[in-house]
Amino acid sequence: MTKSLDVFALIASVTTASTAFAGERTITFAVDNMTCASCPYIVKSSMEGVVGVAKVAVSFRAKTASVTFDDAKTNPDTIVAASMNAGYPAHPVKQGS
């Protein structure tokens, strides 16, 4: 009986481990093709449309987008794809250079 409980506990911990380490992350992306006042709105709307994205702040001047998201629901590649599909290629900015 104890052995089967140990096995169950092990299985339960393995299946929940990936979500236990998931959390909110913020990444800054460099965004290409922003040339007018409407561009930041389009970039923000496209990135906010990704499931798991909580917040997007776009800077027209810096040509960047800072995105806060739940890494259990989405990832940077999906956010980049959404921006790219809207006509604005994006790529993560290296932090701490």
C-alpha atoms as a PDB file:
ATOM      1  CA  MET A   1       0.000   0.000   0.000  1.00  0.00           C
ATOM      2  CA  THR A   2       2.778   2.422   0.932  1.00  0.00           C
ATOM      3  CA  LYS A   3       4.664   1.607  -2.273  1.00  0.00           C
ATOM      4  CA  SER A   4       1.619   2.409  -4.422  1.00  0.00           C
ATOM      5  CA  LEU A   5       1.183   5.734  -2.592  1.00  0.00           C
ATOM      6  CA  ASP A   6       4.846   6.558  -3.248  1.00  0.00           C
ATOM      7  CA  VAL A   7       4.393   5.790  -6.941  1.00  0.00           C
ATOM      8  CA  PHE A   8       1.243   7.914  -7.074  1.00  0.00           C
ATOM      9  CA  ALA A   9       3.041  10.821  -5.371  1.00  0.00           C
ATOM     10  CA  LEU A  10       5.915  10.550  -7.835  1.00  0.00           C
ATOM     11  CA  ILE A  11       3.578  10.551 -10.831  1.00  0.00           C
ATOM     12  CA  ALA A  12       1.619  13.499  -9.450  1.00  0.00           C
ATOM     13  CA  SER A  13       4.785  15.531  -8.858  1.00  0.00           C
ATOM     14  CA  VAL A  14       6.114  14.841 -12.357  1.00  0.00           C
ATOM     15  CA  THR A  15       2.853  15.810 -14.072  1.00  0.00           C
ATOM     16  CA  THR A  16       2.558  19.062 -12.134  1.00  0.00           C
ATOM     17  CA  ALA A  17       6.252  20.013 -12.198  1.00  0.00           C
ATOM     18  CA  SER A  18       6.064  21.918 -15.477  1.00  0.00           C
ATOM     19  CA  THR A  19       3.217  24.108 -14.246  1.00  0.00           C
ATOM     20  CA  ALA A  20       4.814  24.566 -10.838  1.00  0.00           C
ATOM     21  CA  PHE A  21       7.724  26.438 -12.419  1.00  0.00           C
ATOM     22  CA  ALA A  22       5.572  28.386 -14.855  1.00  0.00           C
ATOM     23  CA  GLY A  23       4.995  32.020 -14.140  1.00  0.00           C
ATOM     24  CA  GLU A  24       4.797  35.528 -15.379  1.00  0.00           C
ATOM     25  CA  ARG A  25       7.677  36.752 -17.525  1.00  0.00           C
ATOM     26  CA  THR A  26       8.415  40.060 -19.197  1.00  0.00           C
ATOM     27  CA  ILE A  27      10.419  40.296 -22.404  1.00  0.00           C
ATOM     28  CA  THR A  28      11.298  43.344 -24.476  1.00  0.00           C
ATOM     29  CA  PHE A  29      11.139  42.939 -28.241  1.00  0.00           C
ATOM     30  CA  ALA A  30      12.690  45.174 -30.895  1.00  0.00           C
ATOM     31  CA  VAL A  31       9.951  45.838 -33.459  1.00  0.00           C
ATOM     32  CA  ASP A  32      10.672  46.654 -37.110  1.00  0.00           C
ATOM     33  CA  ASN A  33       8.532  48.633 -39.570  1.00  0.00           C
ATOM     34  CA  MET A  34       6.976  51.050 -37.060  1.00  0.00           C
ATOM     35  CA  THR A  35       6.845  54.240 -39.136  1.00  0.00           C
ATOM     36  CA  CYS A  36       3.652  56.058 -38.151  1.00  0.00           C
ATOM     37  CA  ALA A  37       1.463  56.869 -35.152  1.00  0.00           C
ATOM     38  CA  SER A  38      -0.866  53.928 -35.877  1.00  0.00           C
ATOM     39  CA  CYS A  39       1.893  51.328 -35.793  1.00  0.00           C
ATOM     40  CA  PRO A  40       2.223  51.012 -31.987  1.00  0.00           C
ATOM     41  CA  TYR A  41      -1.521  50.426 -31.682  1.00  0.00           C
ATOM     42  CA  ILE A  42      -1.409  47.635 -34.282  1.00  0.00           C
ATOM     43  CA  VAL A  43       1.630  46.020 -32.638  1.00  0.00           C
ATOM     44  CA  LYS A  44       0.009  46.222 -29.204  1.00  0.00           C
ATOM     45  CA  SER A  45      -3.289  44.797 -30.454  1.00  0.00           C
ATOM     46  CA  SER A  46      -1.624  41.895 -32.249  1.00  0.00           C
ATOM     47  CA  MET A  47       0.494  40.943 -29.234  1.00  0.00           C
ATOM     48  CA  GLU A  48      -2.389  41.338 -26.771  1.00  0.00           C
ATOM     49  CA  GLY A  49      -4.382  38.921 -28.913  1.00  0.00           C
ATOM     50  CA  VAL A  50      -2.096  36.059 -27.917  1.00  0.00           C
ATOM     51  CA  VAL A  51      -3.605  33.873 -25.202  1.00  0.00           C
ATOM     52  CA  GLY A  52      -1.543  34.266 -22.036  1.00  0.00           C
ATOM     53  CA  VAL A  53      -0.345  37.818 -22.713  1.00  0.00           C
ATOM     54  CA  ALA A  54      -1.212  40.026 -19.739  1.00  0.00           C
ATOM     55  CA  LYS A  55       0.281  43.394 -20.683  1.00  0.00           C
ATOM     56  CA  VAL A  56       1.928  45.082 -23.667  1.00  0.00           C
ATOM     57  CA  ALA A  57       3.663  48.469 -23.631  1.00  0.00           C
ATOM     58  CA  VAL A  58       4.877  49.725 -27.010  1.00  0.00           C
ATOM     59  CA  SER A  59       7.359  52.562 -27.500  1.00  0.00           C
ATOM     60  CA  PHE A  60       7.242  54.180 -30.920  1.00  0.00           C
ATOM     61  CA  ARG A  61      10.363  56.215 -30.145  1.00  0.00           C
ATOM     62  CA  ALA A  62      12.445  53.194 -29.038  1.00  0.00           C
ATOM     63  CA  LYS A  63      10.776  50.829 -31.543  1.00  0.00           C
ATOM     64  CA  THR A  64      10.208  48.270 -28.784  1.00  0.00           C
ATOM     65  CA  ALA A  65       7.411  46.340 -27.139  1.00  0.00           C
ATOM     66  CA  SER A  66       7.610  45.144 -23.538  1.00  0.00           C
ATOM     67  CA  VAL A  67       5.367  42.109 -23.093  1.00  0.00           C
ATOM     68  CA  THR A  68       4.318  40.450 -19.829  1.00  0.00           C
ATOM     69  CA  PHE A  69       2.952  36.951 -20.314  1.00  0.00           C
ATOM     70  CA  ASP A  70       2.208  33.657 -18.576  1.00  0.00           C
ATOM     71  CA  ASP A  71       4.867  31.228 -19.779  1.00  0.00           C
ATOM     72  CA  ALA A  72       2.557  28.286 -19.075  1.00  0.00           C
ATOM     73  CA  LYS A  73       0.163  29.588 -21.746  1.00  0.00           C
ATOM     74  CA  THR A  74       2.432  31.082 -24.409  1.00  0.00           C
ATOM     75  CA  ASN A  75       6.039  31.704 -25.372  1.00  0.00           C
ATOM     76  CA  PRO A  76       8.116  34.402 -27.074  1.00  0.00           C
ATOM     77  CA  ASP A  77       7.943  32.646 -30.464  1.00  0.00           C
ATOM     78  CA  THR A  78       4.142  32.837 -30.473  1.00  0.00           C
ATOM     79  CA  ILE A  79       4.232  36.531 -29.587  1.00  0.00           C
ATOM     80  CA  VAL A  80       6.784  37.171 -32.357  1.00  0.00           C
ATOM     81  CA  ALA A  81       4.574  35.293 -34.833  1.00  0.00           C
ATOM     82  CA  ALA A  82       1.561  37.435 -33.930  1.00  0.00           C
ATOM     83  CA  SER A  83       3.557  40.625 -34.502  1.00  0.00           C
ATOM     84  CA  MET A  84       5.014  39.268 -37.739  1.00  0.00           C
ATOM     85  CA  ASN A  85       1.533  38.353 -39.003  1.00  0.00           C
ATOM     86  CA  ALA A  86       0.496  41.974 -38.428  1.00  0.00           C
ATOM     87  CA  GLY A  87       3.432  43.150 -40.553  1.00  0.00           C
ATOM     88  CA  TYR A  88       5.836  44.054 -37.781  1.00  0.00           C
ATOM     89  CA  PRO A  89       8.778  41.651 -37.412  1.00  0.00           C
ATOM     90  CA  ALA A  90       9.932  41.456 -33.802  1.00  0.00           C
ATOM     91  CA  HIS A  91      12.834  39.836 -32.006  1.00  0.00           C
ATOM     92  CA  PRO A  92      13.806  39.681 -28.330  1.00  0.00           C
ATOM     93  CA  VAL A  93      16.271  42.309 -27.159  1.00  0.00           C
ATOM     94  CA  LYS A  94      19.272  40.885 -25.337  1.00  0.00           C
ATOM     95  CA  GLN A  95      19.123  41.870 -21.664  1.00  0.00           C
ATOM     96  CA  GLY A  96      22.131  42.875 -19.590  1.00  0.00           C
ATOM     97  CA  SER A  97      24.631  43.470 -22.389  1.00  0.00           C
END
